[in-house]
């Protein structure tokens, strides 16, 4: 399940010390409020669908692209295996693990743009590993776009390793074909 994605190269954003990326880094702080990670509840469905739609709107965070039917997605969201990150009562991220009958889980994760780089992804991955241990899984797997350096670095910090690359795997709405890196963590 793919939720992580690339930050596609933008020639303007890579110029000089005042690039968009460096300005964003300066503006980000560790969350002042604690990040709570808990299993998703029925009342989270609409928040999860809105988060998904917002990340899809960025057109580089997940494989999905707009338009997203928020109401239909909210109604069909699979809560089992979904953990949410909540700060001050707001859902700011989620991770979903699709547990297989073969003993591993395939994960996908999203964090709202303004909360990236503030510990939400770290909290979600740590909670996912604990969740997987409790379920008796022997491995976690994921797919990530190669340009999503922040996500790849996060996964590596937790011990995920690159297991392969699927070339031109995802067709974008504009016709581009994007690669995926497969990563795994033996538990």
C-alpha atoms as a PDB file:
ATOM      1  CA  UNK A   1       0.000   0.000   0.000  1.00  0.00           C
ATOM      2  CA  UNK A   2       1.595   3.240  -1.099  1.00  0.00           C
ATOM      3  CA  UNK A   3       1.126   6.426   0.812  1.00  0.00           C
ATOM      4  CA  UNK A   4       4.642   7.810   0.948  1.00  0.00           C
ATOM      5  CA  UNK A   5       5.920   9.647  -2.061  1.00  0.00           C
ATOM      6  CA  UNK A   6       8.579  11.781  -3.656  1.00  0.00           C
ATOM      7  CA  UNK A   7       9.309  15.381  -3.342  1.00  0.00           C
ATOM      8  CA  UNK A   8       9.797  15.912  -7.037  1.00  0.00           C
ATOM      9  CA  UNK A   9      12.673  18.144  -7.963  1.00  0.00           C
ATOM     10  CA  UNK A  10      11.645  21.724  -8.584  1.00  0.00           C
ATOM     11  CA  UNK A  11      14.526  23.761  -9.987  1.00  0.00           C
ATOM     12  CA  UNK A  12      13.328  26.905  -8.208  1.00  0.00           C
ATOM     13  CA  UNK A  13      13.046  25.245  -4.797  1.00  0.00           C
ATOM     14  CA  UNK A  14      16.642  24.014  -4.913  1.00  0.00           C
ATOM     15  CA  UNK A  15      18.207  27.448  -5.467  1.00  0.00           C
ATOM     16  CA  UNK A  16      20.238  29.145  -2.775  1.00  0.00           C
ATOM     17  CA  UNK A  17      19.975  29.337   0.995  1.00  0.00           C
ATOM     18  CA  UNK A  18      16.482  30.819   0.967  1.00  0.00           C
ATOM     19  CA  UNK A  19      14.896  27.973  -0.963  1.00  0.00           C
ATOM     20  CA  UNK A  20      11.325  26.956  -0.148  1.00  0.00           C
ATOM     21  CA  UNK A  21      12.643  23.763   1.451  1.00  0.00           C
ATOM     22  CA  UNK A  22      15.025  25.598   3.791  1.00  0.00           C
ATOM     23  CA  UNK A  23      12.321  28.123   4.749  1.00  0.00           C
ATOM     24  CA  UNK A  24      10.015  25.244   5.630  1.00  0.00           C
ATOM     25  CA  UNK A  25      12.697  23.619   7.772  1.00  0.00           C
ATOM     26  CA  UNK A  26      13.211  26.881   9.677  1.00  0.00           C
ATOM     27  CA  UNK A  27       9.467  27.179  10.340  1.00  0.00           C
ATOM     28  CA  UNK A  28       9.093  23.638  11.680  1.00  0.00           C
ATOM     29  CA  UNK A  29       9.423  22.880  15.349  1.00  0.00           C
ATOM     30  CA  UNK A  30       8.889  19.761  17.352  1.00  0.00           C
ATOM     31  CA  UNK A  31       5.249  19.557  18.388  1.00  0.00           C
ATOM     32  CA  UNK A  32       4.655  21.543  21.584  1.00  0.00           C
ATOM     33  CA  UNK A  33       1.661  19.324  22.346  1.00  0.00           C
ATOM     34  CA  UNK A  34       2.225  15.593  22.750  1.00  0.00           C
ATOM     35  CA  UNK A  35       1.623  13.389  19.726  1.00  0.00           C
ATOM     36  CA  UNK A  36      -0.870  10.682  20.619  1.00  0.00           C
ATOM     37  CA  UNK A  37      -0.990   7.581  18.416  1.00  0.00           C
ATOM     38  CA  UNK A  38      -4.054   5.383  18.796  1.00  0.00           C
ATOM     39  CA  UNK A  39      -6.177   2.978  16.763  1.00  0.00           C
ATOM     40  CA  UNK A  40      -8.548   4.747  14.382  1.00  0.00           C
ATOM     41  CA  UNK A  41     -12.148   5.079  15.487  1.00  0.00           C
ATOM     42  CA  UNK A  42     -15.356   5.416  13.529  1.00  0.00           C
ATOM     43  CA  UNK A  43     -15.403   9.155  14.290  1.00  0.00           C
ATOM     44  CA  UNK A  44     -12.029   9.493  12.495  1.00  0.00           C
ATOM     45  CA  UNK A  45     -13.344   8.403   9.081  1.00  0.00           C
ATOM     46  CA  UNK A  46     -14.065  11.876   7.693  1.00  0.00           C
ATOM     47  CA  UNK A  47     -10.789  13.277   9.082  1.00  0.00           C
ATOM     48  CA  UNK A  48      -8.868  10.420   7.447  1.00  0.00           C
ATOM     49  CA  UNK A  49     -10.602  10.976   4.107  1.00  0.00           C
ATOM     50  CA  UNK A  50      -9.884  14.711   4.264  1.00  0.00           C
ATOM     51  CA  UNK A  51      -6.222  14.002   5.083  1.00  0.00           C
ATOM     52  CA  UNK A  52      -6.039  11.602   2.129  1.00  0.00           C
ATOM     53  CA  UNK A  53      -7.629  14.201  -0.195  1.00  0.00           C
ATOM     54  CA  UNK A  54      -5.222  16.922   0.975  1.00  0.00           C
ATOM     55  CA  UNK A  55      -2.149  14.739   0.442  1.00  0.00           C
ATOM     56  CA  UNK A  56      -3.493  13.602  -2.949  1.00  0.00           C
ATOM     57  CA  UNK A  57      -3.960  17.264  -3.908  1.00  0.00           C
ATOM     58  CA  UNK A  58      -0.191  17.762  -3.508  1.00  0.00           C
ATOM     59  CA  UNK A  59       0.212  15.310  -6.425  1.00  0.00           C
ATOM     60  CA  UNK A  60       3.470  13.896  -5.081  1.00  0.00           C
ATOM     61  CA  UNK A  61       2.726  12.505  -1.634  1.00  0.00           C
ATOM     62  CA  UNK A  62       0.806   9.364  -2.512  1.00  0.00           C
ATOM     63  CA  UNK A  63      -0.082   7.422  -5.639  1.00  0.00           C
ATOM     64  CA  UNK A  64      -3.657   8.754  -5.635  1.00  0.00           C
ATOM     65  CA  UNK A  65      -4.417  12.062  -7.323  1.00  0.00           C
ATOM     66  CA  UNK A  66      -7.490  14.305  -7.256  1.00  0.00           C
ATOM     67  CA  UNK A  67     -10.374  14.270  -7.461  1.00  0.00           C
ATOM     68  CA  UNK A  68     -11.057  12.309  -4.278  1.00  0.00           C
ATOM     69  CA  UNK A  69     -14.662  11.600  -3.276  1.00  0.00           C
ATOM     70  CA  UNK A  70     -14.275  12.336   0.425  1.00  0.00           C
ATOM     71  CA  UNK A  71     -17.705  11.059   1.470  1.00  0.00           C
ATOM     72  CA  UNK A  72     -17.328   7.720  -0.329  1.00  0.00           C
ATOM     73  CA  UNK A  73     -13.782   7.285   0.965  1.00  0.00           C
ATOM     74  CA  UNK A  74     -14.822   8.111   4.537  1.00  0.00           C
ATOM     75  CA  UNK A  75     -17.639   5.565   4.423  1.00  0.00           C
ATOM     76  CA  UNK A  76     -15.367   2.809   3.099  1.00  0.00           C
ATOM     77  CA  UNK A  77     -12.228   3.521   5.168  1.00  0.00           C
ATOM     78  CA  UNK A  78     -10.893   0.283   6.670  1.00  0.00           C
ATOM     79  CA  UNK A  79     -10.316   1.039  10.345  1.00  0.00           C
ATOM     80  CA  UNK A  80      -8.765  -2.305  11.318  1.00  0.00           C
ATOM     81  CA  UNK A  81      -5.003  -1.830  11.032  1.00  0.00           C
ATOM     82  CA  UNK A  82      -5.235   1.978  10.926  1.00  0.00           C
ATOM     83  CA  UNK A  83      -3.461   4.067  13.547  1.00  0.00           C
ATOM     84  CA  UNK A  84      -3.913   7.826  13.764  1.00  0.00           C
ATOM     85  CA  UNK A  85      -1.601  10.511  15.112  1.00  0.00           C
ATOM     86  CA  UNK A  86      -3.510  13.164  17.030  1.00  0.00           C
ATOM     87  CA  UNK A  87      -2.217  16.501  18.302  1.00  0.00           C
ATOM     88  CA  UNK A  88      -4.516  18.738  20.361  1.00  0.00           C
ATOM     89  CA  UNK A  89      -7.532  16.743  19.173  1.00  0.00           C
ATOM     90  CA  UNK A  90      -6.634  17.024  15.464  1.00  0.00           C
ATOM     91  CA  UNK A  91      -5.797  14.019  13.275  1.00  0.00           C
ATOM     92  CA  UNK A  92      -2.439  15.009  11.754  1.00  0.00           C
ATOM     93  CA  UNK A  93      -1.284  11.667  10.359  1.00  0.00           C
ATOM     94  CA  UNK A  94      -2.158   8.036   9.835  1.00  0.00           C
ATOM     95  CA  UNK A  95      -0.605   4.710   9.060  1.00  0.00           C
ATOM     96  CA  UNK A  96      -2.466   1.720   7.714  1.00  0.00           C
ATOM     97  CA  UNK A  97      -1.133  -1.827   7.839  1.00  0.00           C
ATOM     98  CA  UNK A  98      -2.712  -4.451   5.634  1.00  0.00           C
ATOM     99  CA  UNK A  99      -2.007  -7.675   7.448  1.00  0.00           C
ATOM    100  CA  UNK A 100      -1.502 -10.669   5.153  1.00  0.00           C
ATOM    101  CA  UNK A 101      -2.125 -14.346   5.798  1.00  0.00           C
ATOM    102  CA  UNK A 102       1.609 -14.876   5.201  1.00  0.00           C
ATOM    103  CA  UNK A 103       2.654 -13.161   8.430  1.00  0.00           C
ATOM    104  CA  UNK A 104       3.728  -9.751   7.165  1.00  0.00           C
ATOM    105  CA  UNK A 105       2.066  -6.361   6.931  1.00  0.00           C
ATOM    106  CA  UNK A 106       2.161  -3.855   4.073  1.00  0.00           C
ATOM    107  CA  UNK A 107       2.105  -0.298   5.370  1.00  0.00           C
ATOM    108  CA  UNK A 108       1.279   3.106   3.990  1.00  0.00           C
ATOM    109  CA  UNK A 109       1.527   6.393   5.850  1.00  0.00           C
ATOM    110  CA  UNK A 110       0.446  10.014   5.456  1.00  0.00           C
ATOM    111  CA  UNK A 111       1.175  13.125   7.492  1.00  0.00           C
ATOM    112  CA  UNK A 112      -0.506  16.448   6.875  1.00  0.00           C
ATOM    113  CA  UNK A 113       1.880  18.962   5.266  1.00  0.00           C
ATOM    114  CA  UNK A 114       2.146  21.377   8.178  1.00  0.00           C
ATOM    115  CA  UNK A 115       3.059  18.583  10.611  1.00  0.00           C
ATOM    116  CA  UNK A 116       5.836  16.982   8.572  1.00  0.00           C
ATOM    117  CA  UNK A 117       9.281  17.111  10.139  1.00  0.00           C
ATOM    118  CA  UNK A 118       7.851  17.472  13.655  1.00  0.00           C
ATOM    119  CA  UNK A 119       7.962  13.896  14.928  1.00  0.00           C
ATOM    120  CA  UNK A 120       4.598  12.637  13.689  1.00  0.00           C
ATOM    121  CA  UNK A 121       6.086  10.120  11.241  1.00  0.00           C
ATOM    122  CA  UNK A 122       8.494   8.879  13.899  1.00  0.00           C
ATOM    123  CA  UNK A 123       5.638   8.355  16.358  1.00  0.00           C
ATOM    124  CA  UNK A 124       3.564   6.543  13.738  1.00  0.00           C
ATOM    125  CA  UNK A 125       6.358   4.185  12.647  1.00  0.00           C
ATOM    126  CA  UNK A 126       7.299   3.377  16.251  1.00  0.00           C
ATOM    127  CA  UNK A 127       3.660   2.606  17.089  1.00  0.00           C
ATOM    128  CA  UNK A 128       3.305   0.525  13.922  1.00  0.00           C
ATOM    129  CA  UNK A 129       6.273  -1.647  14.884  1.00  0.00           C
ATOM    130  CA  UNK A 130       4.792  -2.188  18.358  1.00  0.00           C
ATOM    131  CA  UNK A 131       1.397  -2.984  16.783  1.00  0.00           C
ATOM    132  CA  UNK A 132       3.010  -5.482  14.372  1.00  0.00           C
ATOM    133  CA  UNK A 133       4.876  -7.220  17.213  1.00  0.00           C
ATOM    134  CA  UNK A 134       1.637  -7.515  19.187  1.00  0.00           C
ATOM    135  CA  UNK A 135      -0.063  -9.066  16.141  1.00  0.00           C
ATOM    136  CA  UNK A 136       2.739 -11.608  15.727  1.00  0.00           C
ATOM    137  CA  UNK A 137       3.871 -10.322  12.333  1.00  0.00           C
ATOM    138  CA  UNK A 138       7.399 -11.235  11.274  1.00  0.00           C
ATOM    139  CA  UNK A 139       7.890  -8.383   8.787  1.00  0.00           C
ATOM    140  CA  UNK A 140       6.682  -4.966   7.658  1.00  0.00           C
ATOM    141  CA  UNK A 141       6.932  -3.914   4.003  1.00  0.00           C
ATOM    142  CA  UNK A 142       6.269  -0.656   2.191  1.00  0.00           C
ATOM    143  CA  UNK A 143       6.718   1.110  -1.121  1.00  0.00           C
ATOM    144  CA  UNK A 144       8.029   4.655  -1.391  1.00  0.00           C
ATOM    145  CA  UNK A 145       8.800   6.977  -4.271  1.00  0.00           C
ATOM    146  CA  UNK A 146      12.595   7.344  -4.734  1.00  0.00           C
ATOM    147  CA  UNK A 147      12.567  11.124  -4.342  1.00  0.00           C
ATOM    148  CA  UNK A 148      10.860  11.028  -0.969  1.00  0.00           C
ATOM    149  CA  UNK A 149      14.153  11.377   0.854  1.00  0.00           C
ATOM    150  CA  UNK A 150      12.585  12.314   4.192  1.00  0.00           C
ATOM    151  CA  UNK A 151      10.403   9.195   4.279  1.00  0.00           C
ATOM    152  CA  UNK A 152      13.260   6.937   3.169  1.00  0.00           C
ATOM    153  CA  UNK A 153      15.508   8.385   5.891  1.00  0.00           C
ATOM    154  CA  UNK A 154      12.768   7.864   8.488  1.00  0.00           C
ATOM    155  CA  UNK A 155      12.255   4.241   7.493  1.00  0.00           C
ATOM    156  CA  UNK A 156      16.007   3.594   7.490  1.00  0.00           C
ATOM    157  CA  UNK A 157      16.303   5.001  11.030  1.00  0.00           C
ATOM    158  CA  UNK A 158      13.909   2.255  12.123  1.00  0.00           C
ATOM    159  CA  UNK A 159      15.897  -0.440  10.309  1.00  0.00           C
ATOM    160  CA  UNK A 160      13.959  -0.762   7.057  1.00  0.00           C
ATOM    161  CA  UNK A 161      16.203  -1.760   4.155  1.00  0.00           C
ATOM    162  CA  UNK A 162      15.759  -1.408   0.423  1.00  0.00           C
ATOM    163  CA  UNK A 163      14.676  -4.707  -1.076  1.00  0.00           C
ATOM    164  CA  UNK A 164      14.137  -3.724  -4.669  1.00  0.00           C
ATOM    165  CA  UNK A 165      12.970  -1.164  -7.158  1.00  0.00           C
ATOM    166  CA  UNK A 166       9.957  -1.334  -9.425  1.00  0.00           C
ATOM    167  CA  UNK A 167      10.717   0.768 -12.460  1.00  0.00           C
ATOM    168  CA  UNK A 168       7.983   2.910 -14.008  1.00  0.00           C
ATOM    169  CA  UNK A 169       5.425   1.294 -11.700  1.00  0.00           C
ATOM    170  CA  UNK A 170       2.967   4.150 -11.111  1.00  0.00           C
ATOM    171  CA  UNK A 171       1.309   6.026 -13.990  1.00  0.00           C
ATOM    172  CA  UNK A 172       0.496   9.603 -13.013  1.00  0.00           C
ATOM    173  CA  UNK A 173      -2.450  11.576 -14.402  1.00  0.00           C
ATOM    174  CA  UNK A 174      -0.030  13.575 -16.578  1.00  0.00           C
ATOM    175  CA  UNK A 175       1.309  10.348 -18.128  1.00  0.00           C
ATOM    176  CA  UNK A 176       4.609  10.237 -16.235  1.00  0.00           C
ATOM    177  CA  UNK A 177       5.733   6.840 -14.975  1.00  0.00           C
ATOM    178  CA  UNK A 178       7.244   6.826 -11.483  1.00  0.00           C
ATOM    179  CA  UNK A 179       9.476   4.215  -9.864  1.00  0.00           C
ATOM    180  CA  UNK A 180       8.868   2.674  -6.458  1.00  0.00           C
ATOM    181  CA  UNK A 181      11.424   1.518  -3.918  1.00  0.00           C
ATOM    182  CA  UNK A 182      10.344  -1.505  -1.898  1.00  0.00           C
ATOM    183  CA  UNK A 183      11.580  -1.538   1.701  1.00  0.00           C
ATOM    184  CA  UNK A 184      11.193  -4.098   4.456  1.00  0.00           C
ATOM    185  CA  UNK A 185      11.826  -4.572   8.138  1.00  0.00           C
ATOM    186  CA  UNK A 186      12.218  -8.021   9.701  1.00  0.00           C
ATOM    187  CA  UNK A 187      10.730  -7.911  13.197  1.00  0.00           C
END
